[in-house]
Amino acid sequence: MSENYRKVLGDCGRVLRDDGKNVKALYRVARACFALDKLDEAEDAIDRAVDLDKSNKSFHALLADISKRRGVVSARNEETRKKEQHKQEVERTLKAALKVLFPSFNADPPRPEK
């Protein structure tokens, strides 16, 4: 599936080299980038299309979709960060508990020499 989007990007890139104001190509680039989660590139392309045709509802709808996706990605990244932070906190607590219970325990064994 992503190969089709990459083909769209290549085809539209050629069109835009000849005619940088081709709103159809800009819109298709934005849709393909959006589908590939390249949100910055999608937003750049659709912003350029909106500048050329401010009344196009499809362009504004895609801008709204990009904004929503950014929110989802941001929330997902925050959730991942919190899980990693919790994992590190649990690991530190476990190491500390093992050191208290077993003073000779080495939670960080020496690394083998190369």
PDB file of N, CA and C in Angstrom:
ATOM      1  N   MET A   1       0.824  -1.201   0.000  1.00  0.00           N
ATOM      2  CA  MET A   1       0.000   0.000   0.000  1.00  0.00           C
ATOM      3  C   MET A   1       0.861   1.255   0.000  1.00  0.00           C
ATOM      4  N   SER A   2       1.899   1.286   0.827  1.00  0.00           N
ATOM      5  CA  SER A   2       2.728   2.492   0.889  1.00  0.00           C
ATOM      6  C   SER A   2       3.460   2.724  -0.432  1.00  0.00           C
ATOM      7  N   GLU A   3       3.668   1.651  -1.211  1.00  0.00           N
ATOM      8  CA  GLU A   3       4.301   1.814  -2.522  1.00  0.00           C
ATOM      9  C   GLU A   3       3.436   2.680  -3.432  1.00  0.00           C
ATOM     10  N   ASN A   4       2.110   2.514  -3.347  1.00  0.00           N
ATOM     11  CA  ASN A   4       1.213   3.341  -4.156  1.00  0.00           C
ATOM     12  C   ASN A   4       1.337   4.807  -3.779  1.00  0.00           C
ATOM     13  N   TYR A   5       1.430   5.082  -2.478  1.00  0.00           N
ATOM     14  CA  TYR A   5       1.570   6.463  -2.038  1.00  0.00           C
ATOM     15  C   TYR A   5       2.910   7.038  -2.494  1.00  0.00           C
ATOM     16  N   ARG A   6       3.930   6.221  -2.461  1.00  0.00           N
ATOM     17  CA  ARG A   6       5.240   6.689  -2.917  1.00  0.00           C
ATOM     18  C   ARG A   6       5.218   6.980  -4.424  1.00  0.00           C
ATOM     19  N   LYS A   7       4.469   6.190  -5.166  1.00  0.00           N
ATOM     20  CA  LYS A   7       4.331   6.452  -6.601  1.00  0.00           C
ATOM     21  C   LYS A   7       3.590   7.769  -6.814  1.00  0.00           C
ATOM     22  N   VAL A   8       2.541   7.993  -6.033  1.00  0.00           N
ATOM     23  CA  VAL A   8       1.797   9.252  -6.113  1.00  0.00           C
ATOM     24  C   VAL A   8       2.745  10.423  -5.855  1.00  0.00           C
ATOM     25  N   LEU A   9       3.580  10.288  -4.835  1.00  0.00           N
ATOM     26  CA  LEU A   9       4.513  11.370  -4.505  1.00  0.00           C
ATOM     27  C   LEU A   9       5.472  11.632  -5.660  1.00  0.00           C
ATOM     28  N   GLY A  10       5.970  10.567  -6.275  1.00  0.00           N
ATOM     29  CA  GLY A  10       6.877  10.736  -7.407  1.00  0.00           C
ATOM     30  C   GLY A  10       6.183  11.384  -8.597  1.00  0.00           C
ATOM     31  N   ASP A  11       4.990  10.877  -8.924  1.00  0.00           N
ATOM     32  CA  ASP A  11       4.239  11.422 -10.063  1.00  0.00           C
ATOM     33  C   ASP A  11       3.877  12.892  -9.842  1.00  0.00           C
ATOM     34  N   CYS A  12       3.376  13.195  -8.659  1.00  0.00           N
ATOM     35  CA  CYS A  12       2.983  14.575  -8.363  1.00  0.00           C
ATOM     36  C   CYS A  12       4.201  15.491  -8.259  1.00  0.00           C
ATOM     37  N   GLY A  13       5.313  14.956  -7.792  1.00  0.00           N
ATOM     38  CA  GLY A  13       6.542  15.743  -7.734  1.00  0.00           C
ATOM     39  C   GLY A  13       6.961  16.207  -9.115  1.00  0.00           C
ATOM     40  N   ARG A  14       6.823  15.316 -10.096  1.00  0.00           N
ATOM     41  CA  ARG A  14       7.156  15.684 -11.482  1.00  0.00           C
ATOM     42  C   ARG A  14       6.210  16.782 -11.982  1.00  0.00           C
ATOM     43  N   VAL A  15       4.931  16.644 -11.687  1.00  0.00           N
ATOM     44  CA  VAL A  15       3.952  17.652 -12.102  1.00  0.00           C
ATOM     45  C   VAL A  15       4.281  18.997 -11.455  1.00  0.00           C
ATOM     46  N   LEU A  16       4.606  18.958 -10.159  1.00  0.00           N
ATOM     47  CA  LEU A  16       4.860  20.204  -9.434  1.00  0.00           C
ATOM     48  C   LEU A  16       6.161  20.875  -9.866  1.00  0.00           C
ATOM     49  N   ARG A  17       7.118  20.105 -10.370  1.00  0.00           N
ATOM     50  CA  ARG A  17       8.332  20.726 -10.903  1.00  0.00           C
ATOM     51  C   ARG A  17       8.009  21.577 -12.128  1.00  0.00           C
ATOM     52  N   ASP A  18       7.027  21.113 -12.912  1.00  0.00           N
ATOM     53  CA  ASP A  18       6.611  21.867 -14.096  1.00  0.00           C
ATOM     54  C   ASP A  18       5.624  22.975 -13.753  1.00  0.00           C
ATOM     55  N   ASP A  19       4.768  22.706 -12.777  1.00  0.00           N
ATOM     56  CA  ASP A  19       3.718  23.663 -12.409  1.00  0.00           C
ATOM     57  C   ASP A  19       3.528  23.630 -10.890  1.00  0.00           C
ATOM     58  N   GLY A  20       4.284  24.455 -10.188  1.00  0.00           N
ATOM     59  CA  GLY A  20       4.250  24.475  -8.725  1.00  0.00           C
ATOM     60  C   GLY A  20       2.932  24.921  -8.136  1.00  0.00           C
ATOM     61  N   LYS A  21       2.021  25.393  -8.990  1.00  0.00           N
ATOM     62  CA  LYS A  21       0.724  25.868  -8.504  1.00  0.00           C
ATOM     63  C   LYS A  21      -0.408  24.904  -8.844  1.00  0.00           C
ATOM     64  N   ASN A  22      -0.087  23.679  -9.178  1.00  0.00           N
ATOM     65  CA  ASN A  22      -1.091  22.686  -9.519  1.00  0.00           C
ATOM     66  C   ASN A  22      -1.728  22.182  -8.224  1.00  0.00           C
ATOM     67  N   VAL A  23      -2.913  22.696  -7.930  1.00  0.00           N
ATOM     68  CA  VAL A  23      -3.560  22.380  -6.645  1.00  0.00           C
ATOM     69  C   VAL A  23      -3.953  20.907  -6.540  1.00  0.00           C
ATOM     70  N   LYS A  24      -4.279  20.296  -7.666  1.00  0.00           N
ATOM     71  CA  LYS A  24      -4.639  18.879  -7.646  1.00  0.00           C
ATOM     72  C   LYS A  24      -3.436  18.043  -7.206  1.00  0.00           C
ATOM     73  N   ALA A  25      -2.274  18.362  -7.754  1.00  0.00           N
ATOM     74  CA  ALA A  25      -1.056  17.634  -7.374  1.00  0.00           C
ATOM     75  C   ALA A  25      -0.694  17.919  -5.920  1.00  0.00           C
ATOM     76  N   LEU A  26      -0.834  19.167  -5.501  1.00  0.00           N
ATOM     77  CA  LEU A  26      -0.540  19.515  -4.097  1.00  0.00           C
ATOM     78  C   LEU A  26      -1.460  18.743  -3.153  1.00  0.00           C
ATOM     79  N   TYR A  27      -2.737  18.660  -3.502  1.00  0.00           N
ATOM     80  CA  TYR A  27      -3.692  17.935  -2.673  1.00  0.00           C
ATOM     81  C   TYR A  27      -3.338  16.450  -2.614  1.00  0.00           C
ATOM     82  N   ARG A  28      -2.986  15.875  -3.758  1.00  0.00           N
ATOM     83  CA  ARG A  28      -2.636  14.453  -3.778  1.00  0.00           C
ATOM     84  C   ARG A  28      -1.357  14.182  -2.983  1.00  0.00           C
ATOM     85  N   VAL A  29      -0.401  15.095  -3.067  1.00  0.00           N
ATOM     86  CA  VAL A  29       0.819  14.961  -2.257  1.00  0.00           C
ATOM     87  C   VAL A  29       0.451  15.005  -0.777  1.00  0.00           C
ATOM     88  N   ALA A  30      -0.406  15.947  -0.423  1.00  0.00           N
ATOM     89  CA  ALA A  30      -0.817  16.078   0.982  1.00  0.00           C
ATOM     90  C   ALA A  30      -1.525  14.819   1.462  1.00  0.00           C
ATOM     91  N   ARG A  31      -2.421  14.255   0.646  1.00  0.00           N
ATOM     92  CA  ARG A  31      -3.138  13.027   1.031  1.00  0.00           C
ATOM     93  C   ARG A  31      -2.165  11.859   1.194  1.00  0.00           C
ATOM     94  N   ALA A  32      -1.223  11.743   0.255  1.00  0.00           N
ATOM     95  CA  ALA A  32      -0.258  10.641   0.329  1.00  0.00           C
ATOM     96  C   ALA A  32       0.627  10.785   1.564  1.00  0.00           C
ATOM     97  N   CYS A  33       1.109  11.985   1.815  1.00  0.00           N
ATOM     98  CA  CYS A  33       1.945  12.213   2.999  1.00  0.00           C
ATOM     99  C   CYS A  33       1.166  11.938   4.277  1.00  0.00           C
ATOM    100  N   PHE A  34      -0.087  12.355   4.289  1.00  0.00           N
ATOM    101  CA  PHE A  34      -0.943  12.105   5.452  1.00  0.00           C
ATOM    102  C   PHE A  34      -1.082  10.600   5.688  1.00  0.00           C
ATOM    103  N   ALA A  35      -1.305   9.847   4.617  1.00  0.00           N
ATOM    104  CA  ALA A  35      -1.458   8.395   4.737  1.00  0.00           C
ATOM    105  C   ALA A  35      -0.176   7.732   5.223  1.00  0.00           C
ATOM    106  N   LEU A  36       0.966   8.347   4.917  1.00  0.00           N
ATOM    107  CA  LEU A  36       2.263   7.816   5.346  1.00  0.00           C
ATOM    108  C   LEU A  36       2.716   8.395   6.688  1.00  0.00           C
ATOM    109  N   ASP A  37       1.828   9.146   7.352  1.00  0.00           N
ATOM    110  CA  ASP A  37       2.113   9.811   8.637  1.00  0.00           C
ATOM    111  C   ASP A  37       3.260  10.811   8.540  1.00  0.00           C
ATOM    112  N   LYS A  38       3.446  11.401   7.386  1.00  0.00           N
ATOM    113  CA  LYS A  38       4.414  12.487   7.209  1.00  0.00           C
ATOM    114  C   LYS A  38       3.620  13.791   7.338  1.00  0.00           C
ATOM    115  N   LEU A  39       3.276  14.107   8.574  1.00  0.00           N
ATOM    116  CA  LEU A  39       2.327  15.188   8.814  1.00  0.00           C
ATOM    117  C   LEU A  39       2.879  16.561   8.472  1.00  0.00           C
ATOM    118  N   ASP A  40       4.154  16.806   8.724  1.00  0.00           N
ATOM    119  CA  ASP A  40       4.727  18.107   8.384  1.00  0.00           C
ATOM    120  C   ASP A  40       4.672  18.341   6.877  1.00  0.00           C
ATOM    121  N   GLU A  41       5.041  17.312   6.108  1.00  0.00           N
ATOM    122  CA  GLU A  41       5.023  17.430   4.655  1.00  0.00           C
ATOM    123  C   GLU A  41       3.589  17.570   4.144  1.00  0.00           C
ATOM    124  N   ALA A  42       2.667  16.826   4.748  1.00  0.00           N
ATOM    125  CA  ALA A  42       1.261  16.918   4.356  1.00  0.00           C
ATOM    126  C   ALA A  42       0.728  18.325   4.602  1.00  0.00           C
ATOM    127  N   GLU A  43       1.054  18.853   5.748  1.00  0.00           N
ATOM    128  CA  GLU A  43       0.571  20.193   6.088  1.00  0.00           C
ATOM    129  C   GLU A  43       1.178  21.247   5.169  1.00  0.00           C
ATOM    130  N   ASP A  44       2.456  21.103   4.862  1.00  0.00           N
ATOM    131  CA  ASP A  44       3.099  22.052   3.959  1.00  0.00           C
ATOM    132  C   ASP A  44       2.416  22.049   2.594  1.00  0.00           C
ATOM    133  N   ALA A  45       2.168  20.859   2.042  1.00  0.00           N
ATOM    134  CA  ALA A  45       1.545  20.761   0.719  1.00  0.00           C
ATOM    135  C   ALA A  45       0.127  21.327   0.735  1.00  0.00           C
ATOM    136  N   ILE A  46      -0.648  20.994   1.755  1.00  0.00           N
ATOM    137  CA  ILE A  46      -2.038  21.455   1.767  1.00  0.00           C
ATOM    138  C   ILE A  46      -2.118  22.949   2.072  1.00  0.00           C
ATOM    139  N   ASP A  47      -1.166  23.467   2.858  1.00  0.00           N
ATOM    140  CA  ASP A  47      -1.120  24.921   3.086  1.00  0.00           C
ATOM    141  C   ASP A  47      -0.883  25.651   1.767  1.00  0.00           C
ATOM    142  N   ARG A  48       0.006  25.116   0.955  1.00  0.00           N
ATOM    143  CA  ARG A  48       0.268  25.732  -0.352  1.00  0.00           C
ATOM    144  C   ARG A  48      -0.979  25.668  -1.235  1.00  0.00           C
ATOM    145  N   ALA A  49      -1.701  24.547  -1.175  1.00  0.00           N
ATOM    146  CA  ALA A  49      -2.940  24.420  -1.951  1.00  0.00           C
ATOM    147  C   ALA A  49      -3.991  25.409  -1.461  1.00  0.00           C
ATOM    148  N   VAL A  50      -4.124  25.550  -0.151  1.00  0.00           N
ATOM    149  CA  VAL A  50      -5.097  26.493   0.421  1.00  0.00           C
ATOM    150  C   VAL A  50      -4.750  27.918   0.017  1.00  0.00           C
ATOM    151  N   ASP A  51      -3.461  28.246   0.010  1.00  0.00           N
ATOM    152  CA  ASP A  51      -3.056  29.588  -0.420  1.00  0.00           C
ATOM    153  C   ASP A  51      -3.514  29.878  -1.851  1.00  0.00           C
ATOM    154  N   LEU A  52      -3.562  28.836  -2.674  1.00  0.00           N
ATOM    155  CA  LEU A  52      -3.968  29.006  -4.070  1.00  0.00           C
ATOM    156  C   LEU A  52      -5.477  28.939  -4.272  1.00  0.00           C
ATOM    157  N   ASP A  53      -6.182  28.235  -3.386  1.00  0.00           N
ATOM    158  CA  ASP A  53      -7.636  28.079  -3.497  1.00  0.00           C
ATOM    159  C   ASP A  53      -8.230  28.039  -2.092  1.00  0.00           C
ATOM    160  N   LYS A  54      -8.465  29.208  -1.549  1.00  0.00           N
ATOM    161  CA  LYS A  54      -8.904  29.328  -0.157  1.00  0.00           C
ATOM    162  C   LYS A  54     -10.316  28.784   0.094  1.00  0.00           C
ATOM    163  N   SER A  55     -11.129  28.643  -0.945  1.00  0.00           N
ATOM    164  CA  SER A  55     -12.514  28.218  -0.746  1.00  0.00           C
ATOM    165  C   SER A  55     -12.722  26.712  -0.886  1.00  0.00           C
ATOM    166  N   ASN A  56     -11.671  25.959  -1.170  1.00  0.00           N
ATOM    167  CA  ASN A  56     -11.817  24.514  -1.394  1.00  0.00           C
ATOM    168  C   ASN A  56     -12.046  23.796  -0.057  1.00  0.00           C
ATOM    169  N   LYS A  57     -13.219  23.202   0.073  1.00  0.00           N
ATOM    170  CA  LYS A  57     -13.591  22.545   1.332  1.00  0.00           C
ATOM    171  C   LYS A  57     -12.777  21.292   1.601  1.00  0.00           C
ATOM    172  N   SER A  58     -12.386  20.571   0.547  1.00  0.00           N
ATOM    173  CA  SER A  58     -11.575  19.361   0.726  1.00  0.00           C
ATOM    174  C   SER A  58     -10.216  19.710   1.337  1.00  0.00           C
ATOM    175  N   PHE A  59      -9.670  20.838   0.932  1.00  0.00           N
ATOM    176  CA  PHE A  59      -8.377  21.270   1.471  1.00  0.00           C
ATOM    177  C   PHE A  59      -8.497  21.556   2.964  1.00  0.00           C
ATOM    178  N   HIS A  60      -9.554  22.263   3.313  1.00  0.00           N
ATOM    179  CA  HIS A  60      -9.762  22.603   4.734  1.00  0.00           C
ATOM    180  C   HIS A  60     -10.072  21.358   5.563  1.00  0.00           C
ATOM    181  N   ALA A  61     -10.779  20.412   4.978  1.00  0.00           N
ATOM    182  CA  ALA A  61     -11.075  19.162   5.682  1.00  0.00           C
ATOM    183  C   ALA A  61      -9.786  18.387   5.947  1.00  0.00           C
ATOM    184  N   LEU A  62      -8.882  18.361   4.962  1.00  0.00           N
ATOM    185  CA  LEU A  62      -7.610  17.669   5.157  1.00  0.00           C
ATOM    186  C   LEU A  62      -6.773  18.374   6.221  1.00  0.00           C
ATOM    187  N   LEU A  63      -6.795  19.694   6.223  1.00  0.00           N
ATOM    188  CA  LEU A  63      -6.082  20.427   7.291  1.00  0.00           C
ATOM    189  C   LEU A  63      -6.602  20.024   8.664  1.00  0.00           C
ATOM    190  N   ALA A  64      -7.922  19.902   8.786  1.00  0.00           N
ATOM    191  CA  ALA A  64      -8.526  19.482  10.067  1.00  0.00           C
ATOM    192  C   ALA A  64      -8.105  18.057  10.416  1.00  0.00           C
ATOM    193  N   ASP A  65      -8.074  17.169   9.413  1.00  0.00           N
ATOM    194  CA  ASP A  65      -7.657  15.782   9.653  1.00  0.00           C
ATOM    195  C   ASP A  65      -6.200  15.722  10.127  1.00  0.00           C
ATOM    196  N   ILE A  66      -5.354  16.552   9.533  1.00  0.00           N
ATOM    197  CA  ILE A  66      -3.942  16.595   9.930  1.00  0.00           C
ATOM    198  C   ILE A  66      -3.824  17.036  11.380  1.00  0.00           C
ATOM    199  N   SER A  67      -4.594  18.046  11.740  1.00  0.00           N
ATOM    200  CA  SER A  67      -4.573  18.550  13.111  1.00  0.00           C
ATOM    201  C   SER A  67      -5.023  17.463  14.100  1.00  0.00           C
ATOM    202  N   LYS A  68      -6.076  16.739  13.749  1.00  0.00           N
ATOM    203  CA  LYS A  68      -6.557  15.650  14.609  1.00  0.00           C
ATOM    204  C   LYS A  68      -5.496  14.564  14.758  1.00  0.00           C
ATOM    205  N   ARG A  69      -4.879  14.206  13.633  1.00  0.00           N
ATOM    206  CA  ARG A  69      -3.849  13.153  13.667  1.00  0.00           C
ATOM    207  C   ARG A  69      -2.683  13.585  14.546  1.00  0.00           C
ATOM    208  N   ARG A  70      -2.309  14.855  14.464  1.00  0.00           N
ATOM    209  CA  ARG A  70      -1.226  15.351  15.326  1.00  0.00           C
ATOM    210  C   ARG A  70      -1.583  15.146  16.793  1.00  0.00           C
ATOM    211  N   GLY A  71      -2.836  15.395  17.141  1.00  0.00           N
ATOM    212  CA  GLY A  71      -3.285  15.185  18.514  1.00  0.00           C
ATOM    213  C   GLY A  71      -3.178  13.729  18.923  1.00  0.00           C
ATOM    214  N   VAL A  72      -3.568  12.830  18.035  1.00  0.00           N
ATOM    215  CA  VAL A  72      -3.494  11.398  18.313  1.00  0.00           C
ATOM    216  C   VAL A  72      -2.043  10.967  18.477  1.00  0.00           C
ATOM    217  N   VAL A  73      -1.191  11.414  17.565  1.00  0.00           N
ATOM    218  CA  VAL A  73       0.234  11.057  17.626  1.00  0.00           C
ATOM    219  C   VAL A  73       0.865  11.615  18.896  1.00  0.00           C
ATOM    220  N   SER A  74       0.510  12.839  19.235  1.00  0.00           N
ATOM    221  CA  SER A  74       1.041  13.458  20.444  1.00  0.00           C
ATOM    222  C   SER A  74       0.610  12.675  21.690  1.00  0.00           C
ATOM    223  N   ALA A  75      -0.648  12.288  21.735  1.00  0.00           N
ATOM    224  CA  ALA A  75      -1.144  11.514  22.883  1.00  0.00           C
ATOM    225  C   ALA A  75      -0.448  10.159  22.953  1.00  0.00           C
ATOM    226  N   ARG A  76      -0.250   9.517  21.796  1.00  0.00           N
ATOM    227  CA  ARG A  76       0.429   8.222  21.757  1.00  0.00           C
ATOM    228  C   ARG A  76       1.871   8.365  22.242  1.00  0.00           C
ATOM    229  N   ASN A  77       2.541   9.413  21.797  1.00  0.00           N
ATOM    230  CA  ASN A  77       3.924   9.641  22.227  1.00  0.00           C
ATOM    231  C   ASN A  77       4.003   9.908  23.729  1.00  0.00           C
ATOM    232  N   GLU A  78       3.051  10.645  24.239  1.00  0.00           N
ATOM    233  CA  GLU A  78       3.019  10.932  25.678  1.00  0.00           C
ATOM    234  C   GLU A  78       2.774   9.654  26.476  1.00  0.00           C
ATOM    235  N   GLU A  79       1.889   8.816  25.987  1.00  0.00           N
ATOM    236  CA  GLU A  79       1.608   7.539  26.657  1.00  0.00           C
ATOM    237  C   GLU A  79       2.853   6.650  26.661  1.00  0.00           C
ATOM    238  N   THR A  80       3.541   6.600  25.545  1.00  0.00           N
ATOM    239  CA  THR A  80       4.775   5.811  25.444  1.00  0.00           C
ATOM    240  C   THR A  80       5.829   6.343  26.410  1.00  0.00           C
ATOM    241  N   ARG A  81       5.955   7.669  26.476  1.00  0.00           N
ATOM    242  CA  ARG A  81       6.930   8.289  27.381  1.00  0.00           C
ATOM    243  C   ARG A  81       6.608   7.942  28.833  1.00  0.00           C
ATOM    244  N   LYS A  82       5.323   8.009  29.199  1.00  0.00           N
ATOM    245  CA  LYS A  82       4.921   7.693  30.572  1.00  0.00           C
ATOM    246  C   LYS A  82       5.177   6.230  30.906  1.00  0.00           C
ATOM    247  N   LYS A  83       4.898   5.330  29.960  1.00  0.00           N
ATOM    248  CA  LYS A  83       5.160   3.906  30.193  1.00  0.00           C
ATOM    249  C   LYS A  83       6.648   3.654  30.393  1.00  0.00           C
ATOM    250  N   GLU A  84       7.474   4.279  29.589  1.00  0.00           N
ATOM    251  CA  GLU A  84       8.928   4.107  29.715  1.00  0.00           C
ATOM    252  C   GLU A  84       9.418   4.681  31.041  1.00  0.00           C
ATOM    253  N   GLN A  85       8.887   5.818  31.427  1.00  0.00           N
ATOM    254  CA  GLN A  85       9.254   6.434  32.699  1.00  0.00           C
ATOM    255  C   GLN A  85       8.859   5.513  33.859  1.00  0.00           C
ATOM    256  N   HIS A  86       7.667   4.936  33.790  1.00  0.00           N
ATOM    257  CA  HIS A  86       7.202   4.021  34.838  1.00  0.00           C
ATOM    258  C   HIS A  86       8.087   2.777  34.893  1.00  0.00           C
ATOM    259  N   LYS A  87       8.441   2.252  33.734  1.00  0.00           N
ATOM    260  CA  LYS A  87       9.296   1.072  33.661  1.00  0.00           C
ATOM    261  C   LYS A  87      10.650   1.351  34.322  1.00  0.00           C
ATOM    262  N   GLN A  88      11.224   2.508  34.040  1.00  0.00           N
ATOM    263  CA  GLN A  88      12.511   2.861  34.645  1.00  0.00           C
ATOM    264  C   GLN A  88      12.386   3.042  36.152  1.00  0.00           C
ATOM    265  N   GLU A  89      11.275   3.610  36.591  1.00  0.00           N
ATOM    266  CA  GLU A  89      11.031   3.806  38.023  1.00  0.00           C
ATOM    267  C   GLU A  89      10.908   2.458  38.740  1.00  0.00           C
ATOM    268  N   VAL A  90      10.188   1.522  38.147  1.00  0.00           N
ATOM    269  CA  VAL A  90      10.035   0.183  38.720  1.00  0.00           C
ATOM    270  C   VAL A  90      11.398  -0.507  38.783  1.00  0.00           C
ATOM    271  N   GLU A  91      12.171  -0.364  37.723  1.00  0.00           N
ATOM    272  CA  GLU A  91      13.498  -0.989  37.682  1.00  0.00           C
ATOM    273  C   GLU A  91      14.406  -0.428  38.777  1.00  0.00           C
ATOM    274  N   ARG A  92      14.389   0.888  38.968  1.00  0.00           N
ATOM    275  CA  ARG A  92      15.207   1.505  40.033  1.00  0.00           C
ATOM    276  C   ARG A  92      14.761   1.020  41.406  1.00  0.00           C
ATOM    277  N   THR A  93      13.450   0.950  41.607  1.00  0.00           N
ATOM    278  CA  THR A  93      12.911   0.493  42.890  1.00  0.00           C
ATOM    279  C   THR A  93      13.297  -0.954  43.159  1.00  0.00           C
ATOM    280  N   LEU A  94      13.199  -1.786  42.136  1.00  0.00           N
ATOM    281  CA  LEU A  94      13.559  -3.193  42.280  1.00  0.00           C
ATOM    282  C   LEU A  94      15.043  -3.355  42.615  1.00  0.00           C
ATOM    283  N   LYS A  95      15.887  -2.617  41.933  1.00  0.00           N
ATOM    284  CA  LYS A  95      17.328  -2.693  42.204  1.00  0.00           C
ATOM    285  C   LYS A  95      17.624  -2.257  43.638  1.00  0.00           C
ATOM    286  N   ALA A  96      16.968  -1.182  44.075  1.00  0.00           N
ATOM    287  CA  ALA A  96      17.187  -0.692  45.437  1.00  0.00           C
ATOM    288  C   ALA A  96      16.724  -1.731  46.459  1.00  0.00           C
ATOM    289  N   ALA A  97      15.576  -2.346  46.194  1.00  0.00           N
ATOM    290  CA  ALA A  97      15.059  -3.367  47.118  1.00  0.00           C
ATOM    291  C   ALA A  97      15.991  -4.573  47.171  1.00  0.00           C
ATOM    292  N   LEU A  98      16.519  -4.990  46.036  1.00  0.00           N
ATOM    293  CA  LEU A  98      17.427  -6.129  46.001  1.00  0.00           C
ATOM    294  C   LEU A  98      18.718  -5.828  46.754  1.00  0.00           C
ATOM    295  N   LYS A  99      19.197  -4.600  46.661  1.00  0.00           N
ATOM    296  CA  LYS A  99      20.417  -4.218  47.375  1.00  0.00           C
ATOM    297  C   LYS A  99      20.188  -4.233  48.887  1.00  0.00           C
ATOM    298  N   VAL A 100      18.984  -3.834  49.310  1.00  0.00           N
ATOM    299  CA  VAL A 100      18.668  -3.833  50.740  1.00  0.00           C
ATOM    300  C   VAL A 100      18.534  -5.275  51.239  1.00  0.00           C
ATOM    301  N   LEU A 101      17.832  -6.088  50.489  1.00  0.00           N
ATOM    302  CA  LEU A 101      17.602  -7.470  50.902  1.00  0.00           C
ATOM    303  C   LEU A 101      18.850  -8.349  50.757  1.00  0.00           C
ATOM    304  N   PHE A 102      19.614  -8.089  49.746  1.00  0.00           N
ATOM    305  CA  PHE A 102      20.810  -8.880  49.453  1.00  0.00           C
ATOM    306  C   PHE A 102      21.986  -7.935  49.215  1.00  0.00           C
ATOM    307  N   PRO A 103      22.641  -7.490  50.289  1.00  0.00           N
ATOM    308  CA  PRO A 103      23.697  -6.485  50.167  1.00  0.00           C
ATOM    309  C   PRO A 103      24.799  -6.853  49.165  1.00  0.00           C
ATOM    310  N   SER A 104      25.046  -8.114  48.973  1.00  0.00           N
ATOM    311  CA  SER A 104      26.103  -8.485  48.033  1.00  0.00           C
ATOM    312  C   SER A 104      25.585  -8.575  46.592  1.00  0.00           C
ATOM    313  N   PHE A 105      24.280  -8.338  46.391  1.00  0.00           N
ATOM    314  CA  PHE A 105      23.694  -8.419  45.056  1.00  0.00           C
ATOM    315  C   PHE A 105      24.184  -7.262  44.198  1.00  0.00           C
ATOM    316  N   ASN A 106      24.634  -7.601  42.998  1.00  0.00           N
ATOM    317  CA  ASN A 106      25.069  -6.574  42.059  1.00  0.00           C
ATOM    318  C   ASN A 106      24.060  -6.524  40.927  1.00  0.00           C
ATOM    319  N   ALA A 107      23.232  -5.492  40.926  1.00  0.00           N
ATOM    320  CA  ALA A 107      22.182  -5.354  39.919  1.00  0.00           C
ATOM    321  C   ALA A 107      22.751  -5.045  38.536  1.00  0.00           C
ATOM    322  N   ASP A 108      23.936  -4.502  38.500  1.00  0.00           N
ATOM    323  CA  ASP A 108      24.580  -4.184  37.224  1.00  0.00           C
ATOM    324  C   ASP A 108      25.858  -5.008  37.114  1.00  0.00           C
ATOM    325  N   PRO A 109      25.737  -6.244  36.630  1.00  0.00           N
ATOM    326  CA  PRO A 109      26.919  -7.096  36.538  1.00  0.00           C
ATOM    327  C   PRO A 109      27.959  -6.509  35.580  1.00  0.00           C
ATOM    328  N   PRO A 110      29.232  -6.820  35.824  1.00  0.00           N
ATOM    329  CA  PRO A 110      30.259  -6.270  34.930  1.00  0.00           C
ATOM    330  C   PRO A 110      30.076  -6.798  33.516  1.00  0.00           C
ATOM    331  N   ARG A 111      30.423  -5.951  32.571  1.00  0.00           N
ATOM    332  CA  ARG A 111      30.298  -6.332  31.168  1.00  0.00           C
ATOM    333  C   ARG A 111      31.542  -7.128  30.748  1.00  0.00           C
ATOM    334  N   PRO A 112      31.339  -8.102  29.902  1.00  0.00           N
ATOM    335  CA  PRO A 112      32.494  -8.896  29.449  1.00  0.00           C
ATOM    336  C   PRO A 112      33.450  -8.030  28.637  1.00  0.00           C
ATOM    337  N   GLU A 113      34.715  -8.344  28.758  1.00  0.00           N
ATOM    338  CA  GLU A 113      35.721  -7.592  28.014  1.00  0.00           C
ATOM    339  C   GLU A 113      35.669  -7.995  26.566  1.00  0.00           C
ATOM    340  N   LYS A 114      36.001  -7.046  25.704  1.00  0.00           N
ATOM    341  CA  LYS A 114      35.975  -7.317  24.262  1.00  0.00           C
ATOM    342  C   LYS A 114      37.333  -7.731  23.772  1.00  0.00           C
TER     343      LYS A 114
END
